[in-house]
Amino acid sequence: MELREIIHIMERLRGEEGCPWDRKQTRESLKPYIIEEAYEVIEAIEENDPEKIKEELGDLLFQIVFQCKIAMENNEFDMSDVIEKISLKMIARHPHVFGDADYKTSEEVIAHWEEQKKREGKMRDSILEGVPKAMSSLLRAHRLQKRAAGAGFDWEKTEDVLKKLDEEIAEFKEALATKNRDEVEDELGDIFFMLVNISRFIGVNPEDAHRKTISKFIHRFRHIEKSAATQGRKLSDMTLEEMDRLWDEAKEKEEGKNC
């Protein structure tokens, strides 16, 4: 099948004799599905499962086709317009490939992209503009900090970054002592923001690191649940010490696999 086949399927789904659910969807109602499908693509990539990647990319593509169909019904644009727009944009942003420019490094390419965005009207009064508000907070913080660092607003060495983290933790402890909820929230947010800054400084994607930690937590906690079930017990019947012991057991198994 080619792209026109899925476009035809969408036309049937949105047609008078199509699917009631698909027919009643709007741009707004579909927003959660776009985000969900994008994250499922990421999960499939991290699992390195080609079949799952193929399936999830198809689900994400379906959401794009869905949005294009709604736009076409509103006499705004269609899929061909979207394809043309991104094609022209990529050609304009890669003159070293499609033109006579001579960029040798990725840094030179990125610098050209930023200049091209300005010409396209994508960058306004601040270099921080253009970072989507709908991004996850970790990724948005990372992108904003990277923009600021590109302008020279950055530390020189890792020790300085860690020193700043210590300062933020100290301020958080002081806020806890006051028991002022607003101050505690504010200082805790500063710690999160600083941790993202550290990840950026050392070249680690904070979203990837956090997802991996979540996966570890799920795996280790499931080990506790399975062990309890094997013993014919409920988690509520186990002591914290027993659960900690099983947690360490799951951790040791993970470390053994990585050896």
C-alpha atoms as a PDB file:
ATOM      1  CA  MET A   1       0.000   0.000   0.000  1.00  0.00           C
ATOM      2  CA  GLU A   2       1.039   3.590  -0.601  1.00  0.00           C
ATOM      3  CA  LEU A   3       0.171   6.846   1.158  1.00  0.00           C
ATOM      4  CA  ARG A   4      -2.907   7.424  -0.999  1.00  0.00           C
ATOM      5  CA  GLU A   5      -4.390   4.164   0.338  1.00  0.00           C
ATOM      6  CA  ILE A   6      -4.467   5.356   3.946  1.00  0.00           C
ATOM      7  CA  ILE A   7      -5.820   8.716   2.775  1.00  0.00           C
ATOM      8  CA  HIS A   8      -8.636   6.840   1.042  1.00  0.00           C
ATOM      9  CA  ILE A   9      -9.298   4.833   4.230  1.00  0.00           C
ATOM     10  CA  MET A  10      -9.552   8.084   6.179  1.00  0.00           C
ATOM     11  CA  GLU A  11     -12.009   9.480   3.629  1.00  0.00           C
ATOM     12  CA  ARG A  12     -14.214   6.406   4.139  1.00  0.00           C
ATOM     13  CA  LEU A  13     -14.001   6.678   7.922  1.00  0.00           C
ATOM     14  CA  ARG A  14     -15.025  10.353   7.853  1.00  0.00           C
ATOM     15  CA  GLY A  15     -17.663   9.854   5.162  1.00  0.00           C
ATOM     16  CA  GLU A  16     -21.428   9.872   5.689  1.00  0.00           C
ATOM     17  CA  GLU A  17     -21.487   6.105   6.038  1.00  0.00           C
ATOM     18  CA  GLY A  18     -18.210   5.955   7.929  1.00  0.00           C
ATOM     19  CA  CYS A  19     -17.351   5.362  11.592  1.00  0.00           C
ATOM     20  CA  PRO A  20     -19.379   7.394  14.144  1.00  0.00           C
ATOM     21  CA  TRP A  21     -16.331   7.793  16.382  1.00  0.00           C
ATOM     22  CA  ASP A  22     -14.020   8.988  13.599  1.00  0.00           C
ATOM     23  CA  ARG A  23     -16.641  11.334  12.209  1.00  0.00           C
ATOM     24  CA  LYS A  24     -17.109  13.216  15.475  1.00  0.00           C
ATOM     25  CA  GLN A  25     -13.392  13.816  16.147  1.00  0.00           C
ATOM     26  CA  THR A  26     -11.914  17.323  16.033  1.00  0.00           C
ATOM     27  CA  ARG A  27      -8.411  18.740  16.074  1.00  0.00           C
ATOM     28  CA  GLU A  28      -8.719  19.324  19.791  1.00  0.00           C
ATOM     29  CA  SER A  29     -10.074  15.882  20.634  1.00  0.00           C
ATOM     30  CA  LEU A  30      -7.214  14.203  18.765  1.00  0.00           C
ATOM     31  CA  LYS A  31      -4.384  16.027  20.568  1.00  0.00           C
ATOM     32  CA  PRO A  32      -3.917  13.382  23.313  1.00  0.00           C
ATOM     33  CA  TYR A  33      -3.644  10.624  20.693  1.00  0.00           C
ATOM     34  CA  ILE A  34      -0.872  12.440  18.814  1.00  0.00           C
ATOM     35  CA  ILE A  35       1.200  12.690  21.995  1.00  0.00           C
ATOM     36  CA  GLU A  36       0.421   9.110  23.013  1.00  0.00           C
ATOM     37  CA  GLU A  37       1.367   7.674  19.626  1.00  0.00           C
ATOM     38  CA  ALA A  38       4.621   9.677  19.545  1.00  0.00           C
ATOM     39  CA  TYR A  39       5.652   8.265  22.920  1.00  0.00           C
ATOM     40  CA  GLU A  40       4.766   4.751  21.815  1.00  0.00           C
ATOM     41  CA  VAL A  41       7.107   5.199  18.842  1.00  0.00           C
ATOM     42  CA  ILE A  42       9.870   6.205  21.271  1.00  0.00           C
ATOM     43  CA  GLU A  43       9.150   3.172  23.458  1.00  0.00           C
ATOM     44  CA  ALA A  44       9.351   0.852  20.443  1.00  0.00           C
ATOM     45  CA  ILE A  45      12.666   2.421  19.393  1.00  0.00           C
ATOM     46  CA  GLU A  46      14.092   1.947  22.884  1.00  0.00           C
ATOM     47  CA  GLU A  47      13.019  -1.706  22.798  1.00  0.00           C
ATOM     48  CA  ASN A  48      14.759  -1.986  19.400  1.00  0.00           C
ATOM     49  CA  ASP A  49      11.802  -3.950  18.032  1.00  0.00           C
ATOM     50  CA  PRO A  50      11.515  -3.342  14.241  1.00  0.00           C
ATOM     51  CA  GLU A  51       8.009  -4.801  14.009  1.00  0.00           C
ATOM     52  CA  LYS A  52       6.755  -2.687  16.883  1.00  0.00           C
ATOM     53  CA  ILE A  53       8.477   0.409  15.466  1.00  0.00           C
ATOM     54  CA  LYS A  54       6.746  -0.211  12.146  1.00  0.00           C
ATOM     55  CA  GLU A  55       3.364  -0.568  13.828  1.00  0.00           C
ATOM     56  CA  GLU A  56       3.746   2.518  16.033  1.00  0.00           C
ATOM     57  CA  LEU A  57       4.996   4.679  13.155  1.00  0.00           C
ATOM     58  CA  GLY A  58       1.855   3.657  11.301  1.00  0.00           C
ATOM     59  CA  ASP A  59      -0.314   4.746  14.233  1.00  0.00           C
ATOM     60  CA  LEU A  60       1.471   8.109  14.327  1.00  0.00           C
ATOM     61  CA  LEU A  61       1.116   8.522  10.558  1.00  0.00           C
ATOM     62  CA  PHE A  62      -2.599   7.827  10.901  1.00  0.00           C
ATOM     63  CA  GLN A  63      -2.901  10.779  13.274  1.00  0.00           C
ATOM     64  CA  ILE A  64      -1.169  13.030  10.739  1.00  0.00           C
ATOM     65  CA  VAL A  65      -3.518  11.866   7.998  1.00  0.00           C
ATOM     66  CA  PHE A  66      -6.453  12.441  10.370  1.00  0.00           C
ATOM     67  CA  GLN A  67      -5.412  16.051  10.989  1.00  0.00           C
ATOM     68  CA  CYS A  68      -4.921  16.652   7.258  1.00  0.00           C
ATOM     69  CA  LYS A  69      -8.391  15.281   6.521  1.00  0.00           C
ATOM     70  CA  ILE A  70      -9.979  17.654   9.043  1.00  0.00           C
ATOM     71  CA  ALA A  71      -8.038  20.563   7.535  1.00  0.00           C
ATOM     72  CA  MET A  72      -9.173  19.573   4.041  1.00  0.00           C
ATOM     73  CA  GLU A  73     -12.797  19.516   5.202  1.00  0.00           C
ATOM     74  CA  ASN A  74     -12.249  23.096   6.411  1.00  0.00           C
ATOM     75  CA  ASN A  75     -10.789  24.058   2.995  1.00  0.00           C
ATOM     76  CA  GLU A  76      -7.428  24.862   4.637  1.00  0.00           C
ATOM     77  CA  PHE A  77      -4.869  22.359   3.296  1.00  0.00           C
ATOM     78  CA  ASP A  78      -4.384  18.667   2.524  1.00  0.00           C
ATOM     79  CA  MET A  79      -1.634  16.067   2.803  1.00  0.00           C
ATOM     80  CA  SER A  80       0.102  17.167  -0.398  1.00  0.00           C
ATOM     81  CA  ASP A  81       0.396  20.691   1.020  1.00  0.00           C
ATOM     82  CA  VAL A  82       1.996  19.320   4.194  1.00  0.00           C
ATOM     83  CA  ILE A  83       4.476  17.257   2.168  1.00  0.00           C
ATOM     84  CA  GLU A  84       5.326  20.238  -0.021  1.00  0.00           C
ATOM     85  CA  LYS A  85       5.827  22.486   3.025  1.00  0.00           C
ATOM     86  CA  ILE A  86       8.254  20.154   4.790  1.00  0.00           C
ATOM     87  CA  SER A  87      10.107  19.360   1.543  1.00  0.00           C
ATOM     88  CA  LEU A  88      10.750  23.026   0.761  1.00  0.00           C
ATOM     89  CA  LYS A  89      11.766  23.650   4.378  1.00  0.00           C
ATOM     90  CA  MET A  90      14.296  20.810   4.396  1.00  0.00           C
ATOM     91  CA  ILE A  91      15.794  21.945   1.090  1.00  0.00           C
ATOM     92  CA  ALA A  92      16.123  25.519   2.386  1.00  0.00           C
ATOM     93  CA  ARG A  93      17.714  24.347   5.635  1.00  0.00           C
ATOM     94  CA  HIS A  94      20.242  22.083   3.870  1.00  0.00           C
ATOM     95  CA  PRO A  95      21.964  24.296   1.275  1.00  0.00           C
ATOM     96  CA  HIS A  96      25.129  22.245   1.837  1.00  0.00           C
ATOM     97  CA  VAL A  97      23.258  19.263   0.380  1.00  0.00           C
ATOM     98  CA  PHE A  98      20.885  20.833  -2.146  1.00  0.00           C
ATOM     99  CA  GLY A  99      22.908  23.988  -2.913  1.00  0.00           C
ATOM    100  CA  ASP A 100      26.412  25.416  -2.982  1.00  0.00           C
ATOM    101  CA  ALA A 101      26.972  26.024   0.743  1.00  0.00           C
ATOM    102  CA  ASP A 102      29.909  24.282   2.413  1.00  0.00           C
ATOM    103  CA  TYR A 103      29.196  23.256   6.018  1.00  0.00           C
ATOM    104  CA  LYS A 104      31.642  20.754   7.458  1.00  0.00           C
ATOM    105  CA  THR A 105      30.391  20.334  11.037  1.00  0.00           C
ATOM    106  CA  SER A 106      27.038  19.793  12.730  1.00  0.00           C
ATOM    107  CA  GLU A 107      27.617  23.053  14.648  1.00  0.00           C
ATOM    108  CA  GLU A 108      27.778  24.975  11.366  1.00  0.00           C
ATOM    109  CA  VAL A 109      24.580  23.276  10.228  1.00  0.00           C
ATOM    110  CA  ILE A 110      22.766  24.180  13.456  1.00  0.00           C
ATOM    111  CA  ALA A 111      23.927  27.807  13.170  1.00  0.00           C
ATOM    112  CA  HIS A 112      22.482  27.927   9.638  1.00  0.00           C
ATOM    113  CA  TRP A 113      19.205  26.407  10.870  1.00  0.00           C
ATOM    114  CA  GLU A 114      18.836  29.160  13.449  1.00  0.00           C
ATOM    115  CA  GLU A 115      19.492  31.836  10.842  1.00  0.00           C
ATOM    116  CA  GLN A 116      17.019  30.197   8.462  1.00  0.00           C
ATOM    117  CA  LYS A 117      14.378  30.104  11.203  1.00  0.00           C
ATOM    118  CA  LYS A 118      14.829  33.839  11.675  1.00  0.00           C
ATOM    119  CA  ARG A 119      14.279  34.403   7.952  1.00  0.00           C
ATOM    120  CA  GLU A 120      11.186  32.196   8.135  1.00  0.00           C
ATOM    121  CA  GLY A 121       9.869  34.304  11.023  1.00  0.00           C
ATOM    122  CA  LYS A 122      10.198  31.421  13.490  1.00  0.00           C
ATOM    123  CA  MET A 123      12.516  33.344  15.835  1.00  0.00           C
ATOM    124  CA  ARG A 124      11.183  36.605  17.224  1.00  0.00           C
ATOM    125  CA  ASP A 125      12.441  38.786  20.054  1.00  0.00           C
ATOM    126  CA  SER A 126      14.132  36.043  22.097  1.00  0.00           C
ATOM    127  CA  ILE A 127      16.217  32.987  21.288  1.00  0.00           C
ATOM    128  CA  LEU A 128      14.007  31.143  23.766  1.00  0.00           C
ATOM    129  CA  GLU A 129      10.897  31.571  21.610  1.00  0.00           C
ATOM    130  CA  GLY A 130       9.694  28.675  19.498  1.00  0.00           C
ATOM    131  CA  VAL A 131      10.129  25.918  22.091  1.00  0.00           C
ATOM    132  CA  PRO A 132       6.661  24.265  22.279  1.00  0.00           C
ATOM    133  CA  LYS A 133       4.817  24.734  25.559  1.00  0.00           C
ATOM    134  CA  ALA A 134       3.174  21.330  25.086  1.00  0.00           C
ATOM    135  CA  MET A 135       6.540  19.559  25.371  1.00  0.00           C
ATOM    136  CA  SER A 136       7.167  17.475  28.470  1.00  0.00           C
ATOM    137  CA  SER A 137       8.659  19.732  31.145  1.00  0.00           C
ATOM    138  CA  LEU A 138      11.982  17.853  31.118  1.00  0.00           C
ATOM    139  CA  LEU A 139      12.457  18.185  27.364  1.00  0.00           C
ATOM    140  CA  ARG A 140      11.285  21.790  27.325  1.00  0.00           C
ATOM    141  CA  ALA A 141      13.722  22.735  30.082  1.00  0.00           C
ATOM    142  CA  HIS A 142      16.504  20.917  28.221  1.00  0.00           C
ATOM    143  CA  ARG A 143      15.727  22.720  24.952  1.00  0.00           C
ATOM    144  CA  LEU A 144      15.514  26.144  26.605  1.00  0.00           C
ATOM    145  CA  GLN A 145      18.762  25.631  28.493  1.00  0.00           C
ATOM    146  CA  LYS A 146      20.474  24.491  25.314  1.00  0.00           C
ATOM    147  CA  ARG A 147      19.331  27.674  23.555  1.00  0.00           C
ATOM    148  CA  ALA A 148      20.696  29.817  26.406  1.00  0.00           C
ATOM    149  CA  ALA A 149      23.976  27.888  26.457  1.00  0.00           C
ATOM    150  CA  GLY A 150      24.347  28.477  22.715  1.00  0.00           C
ATOM    151  CA  ALA A 151      24.349  32.199  23.490  1.00  0.00           C
ATOM    152  CA  GLY A 152      27.153  31.742  26.025  1.00  0.00           C
ATOM    153  CA  PHE A 153      25.001  31.498  29.171  1.00  0.00           C
ATOM    154  CA  ASP A 154      26.624  28.352  30.552  1.00  0.00           C
ATOM    155  CA  TRP A 155      29.133  26.972  33.045  1.00  0.00           C
ATOM    156  CA  GLU A 156      32.728  26.174  32.190  1.00  0.00           C
ATOM    157  CA  LYS A 157      33.179  22.933  34.104  1.00  0.00           C
ATOM    158  CA  THR A 158      31.108  20.182  35.727  1.00  0.00           C
ATOM    159  CA  GLU A 159      32.247  21.112  39.244  1.00  0.00           C
ATOM    160  CA  ASP A 160      30.551  24.510  38.897  1.00  0.00           C
ATOM    161  CA  VAL A 161      27.278  22.891  37.844  1.00  0.00           C
ATOM    162  CA  LEU A 162      27.336  20.486  40.785  1.00  0.00           C
ATOM    163  CA  LYS A 163      28.101  23.364  43.150  1.00  0.00           C
ATOM    164  CA  LYS A 164      24.957  25.113  41.906  1.00  0.00           C
ATOM    165  CA  LEU A 165      22.933  21.951  42.532  1.00  0.00           C
ATOM    166  CA  ASP A 166      24.205  21.883  46.119  1.00  0.00           C
ATOM    167  CA  GLU A 167      23.026  25.497  46.508  1.00  0.00           C
ATOM    168  CA  GLU A 168      19.550  24.631  45.228  1.00  0.00           C
ATOM    169  CA  ILE A 169      19.274  21.627  47.563  1.00  0.00           C
ATOM    170  CA  ALA A 170      20.293  23.816  50.518  1.00  0.00           C
ATOM    171  CA  GLU A 171      17.610  26.353  49.593  1.00  0.00           C
ATOM    172  CA  PHE A 172      15.069  23.534  49.324  1.00  0.00           C
ATOM    173  CA  LYS A 173      15.933  22.344  52.841  1.00  0.00           C
ATOM    174  CA  GLU A 174      15.480  25.881  54.140  1.00  0.00           C
ATOM    175  CA  ALA A 175      12.067  26.066  52.439  1.00  0.00           C
ATOM    176  CA  LEU A 176      11.055  22.763  54.039  1.00  0.00           C
ATOM    177  CA  ALA A 177      11.888  24.201  57.437  1.00  0.00           C
ATOM    178  CA  THR A 178       9.515  27.124  56.844  1.00  0.00           C
ATOM    179  CA  LYS A 179       6.718  24.716  55.864  1.00  0.00           C
ATOM    180  CA  ASN A 180       5.639  27.273  53.265  1.00  0.00           C
ATOM    181  CA  ARG A 181       4.112  25.205  50.472  1.00  0.00           C
ATOM    182  CA  ASP A 182       4.721  27.815  47.763  1.00  0.00           C
ATOM    183  CA  GLU A 183       8.383  28.160  48.702  1.00  0.00           C
ATOM    184  CA  VAL A 184       8.841  24.390  48.837  1.00  0.00           C
ATOM    185  CA  GLU A 185       7.296  23.992  45.397  1.00  0.00           C
ATOM    186  CA  ASP A 186       9.420  26.810  44.004  1.00  0.00           C
ATOM    187  CA  GLU A 187      12.687  25.421  45.372  1.00  0.00           C
ATOM    188  CA  LEU A 188      11.840  21.864  44.324  1.00  0.00           C
ATOM    189  CA  GLY A 189      11.225  23.155  40.798  1.00  0.00           C
ATOM    190  CA  ASP A 190      14.674  24.784  40.874  1.00  0.00           C
ATOM    191  CA  ILE A 191      16.223  21.404  41.750  1.00  0.00           C
ATOM    192  CA  PHE A 192      14.460  19.687  38.832  1.00  0.00           C
ATOM    193  CA  PHE A 193      15.557  22.482  36.505  1.00  0.00           C
ATOM    194  CA  MET A 194      19.127  22.225  37.763  1.00  0.00           C
ATOM    195  CA  LEU A 195      19.182  18.442  37.285  1.00  0.00           C
ATOM    196  CA  VAL A 196      18.121  18.954  33.674  1.00  0.00           C
ATOM    197  CA  ASN A 197      20.907  21.513  33.306  1.00  0.00           C
ATOM    198  CA  ILE A 198      23.406  18.973  34.601  1.00  0.00           C
ATOM    199  CA  SER A 199      22.175  16.356  32.143  1.00  0.00           C
ATOM    200  CA  ARG A 200      22.526  18.842  29.282  1.00  0.00           C
ATOM    201  CA  PHE A 201      26.008  19.858  30.412  1.00  0.00           C
ATOM    202  CA  ILE A 202      27.277  16.252  30.474  1.00  0.00           C
ATOM    203  CA  GLY A 203      25.462  15.289  27.252  1.00  0.00           C
ATOM    204  CA  VAL A 204      22.667  13.093  28.643  1.00  0.00           C
ATOM    205  CA  ASN A 205      19.060  13.419  27.490  1.00  0.00           C
ATOM    206  CA  PRO A 206      17.039  13.899  30.715  1.00  0.00           C
ATOM    207  CA  GLU A 207      13.863  12.391  29.260  1.00  0.00           C
ATOM    208  CA  ASP A 208      15.706   9.224  28.205  1.00  0.00           C
ATOM    209  CA  ALA A 209      17.443   8.934  31.574  1.00  0.00           C
ATOM    210  CA  HIS A 210      14.162   9.401  33.447  1.00  0.00           C
ATOM    211  CA  ARG A 211      12.302   6.848  31.312  1.00  0.00           C
ATOM    212  CA  LYS A 212      15.041   4.270  31.907  1.00  0.00           C
ATOM    213  CA  THR A 213      14.796   4.839  35.656  1.00  0.00           C
ATOM    214  CA  ILE A 214      11.016   4.441  35.512  1.00  0.00           C
ATOM    215  CA  SER A 215      11.476   1.160  33.616  1.00  0.00           C
ATOM    216  CA  LYS A 216      13.908  -0.051  36.281  1.00  0.00           C
ATOM    217  CA  PHE A 217      11.450   0.861  39.011  1.00  0.00           C
ATOM    218  CA  ILE A 218       8.625  -1.037  37.284  1.00  0.00           C
ATOM    219  CA  HIS A 219      10.825  -4.092  36.729  1.00  0.00           C
ATOM    220  CA  ARG A 220      12.052  -4.203  40.334  1.00  0.00           C
ATOM    221  CA  PHE A 221       8.639  -3.564  41.849  1.00  0.00           C
ATOM    222  CA  ARG A 222       7.124  -6.297  39.662  1.00  0.00           C
ATOM    223  CA  HIS A 223       9.766  -8.648  41.091  1.00  0.00           C
ATOM    224  CA  ILE A 224       8.493  -7.804  44.575  1.00  0.00           C
ATOM    225  CA  GLU A 225       4.891  -8.427  43.498  1.00  0.00           C
ATOM    226  CA  LYS A 226       5.730 -11.742  41.822  1.00  0.00           C
ATOM    227  CA  SER A 227       7.761 -12.925  44.809  1.00  0.00           C
ATOM    228  CA  ALA A 228       4.903 -12.076  47.135  1.00  0.00           C
ATOM    229  CA  ALA A 229       2.434 -13.928  44.905  1.00  0.00           C
ATOM    230  CA  THR A 230       4.724 -16.980  44.797  1.00  0.00           C
ATOM    231  CA  GLN A 231       4.691 -17.021  48.592  1.00  0.00           C
ATOM    232  CA  GLY A 232       0.916 -16.665  48.601  1.00  0.00           C
ATOM    233  CA  ARG A 233       1.144 -13.280  50.318  1.00  0.00           C
ATOM    234  CA  LYS A 234      -0.145  -9.774  49.705  1.00  0.00           C
ATOM    235  CA  LEU A 235       2.181  -6.774  49.574  1.00  0.00           C
ATOM    236  CA  SER A 236       0.261  -5.277  52.478  1.00  0.00           C
ATOM    237  CA  ASP A 237       1.307  -8.300  54.567  1.00  0.00           C
ATOM    238  CA  MET A 238       5.021  -7.775  53.897  1.00  0.00           C
ATOM    239  CA  THR A 239       7.306  -5.560  55.961  1.00  0.00           C
ATOM    240  CA  LEU A 240       9.315  -2.772  54.361  1.00  0.00           C
ATOM    241  CA  GLU A 241      12.493  -4.713  55.163  1.00  0.00           C
ATOM    242  CA  GLU A 242      11.195  -7.747  53.246  1.00  0.00           C
ATOM    243  CA  MET A 243      10.308  -5.616  50.231  1.00  0.00           C
ATOM    244  CA  ASP A 244      13.700  -3.877  50.357  1.00  0.00           C
ATOM    245  CA  ARG A 245      15.406  -7.266  50.346  1.00  0.00           C
ATOM    246  CA  LEU A 246      13.467  -8.326  47.249  1.00  0.00           C
ATOM    247  CA  TRP A 247      14.227  -4.960  45.627  1.00  0.00           C
ATOM    248  CA  ASP A 248      17.957  -5.546  46.156  1.00  0.00           C
ATOM    249  CA  GLU A 249      17.533  -9.065  44.787  1.00  0.00           C
ATOM    250  CA  ALA A 250      16.023  -7.703  41.558  1.00  0.00           C
ATOM    251  CA  LYS A 251      18.812  -5.120  41.346  1.00  0.00           C
ATOM    252  CA  GLU A 252      21.495  -7.820  41.717  1.00  0.00           C
ATOM    253  CA  LYS A 253      19.907  -9.834  38.914  1.00  0.00           C
ATOM    254  CA  GLU A 254      19.990  -6.781  36.648  1.00  0.00           C
ATOM    255  CA  GLU A 255      23.643  -6.143  37.441  1.00  0.00           C
ATOM    256  CA  GLY A 256      24.420  -9.803  36.757  1.00  0.00           C
ATOM    257  CA  LYS A 257      22.896  -9.537  33.274  1.00  0.00           C
ATOM    258  CA  ASN A 258      24.989  -6.437  32.531  1.00  0.00           C
ATOM    259  CA  CYS A 259      28.256  -8.150  33.420  1.00  0.00           C
END
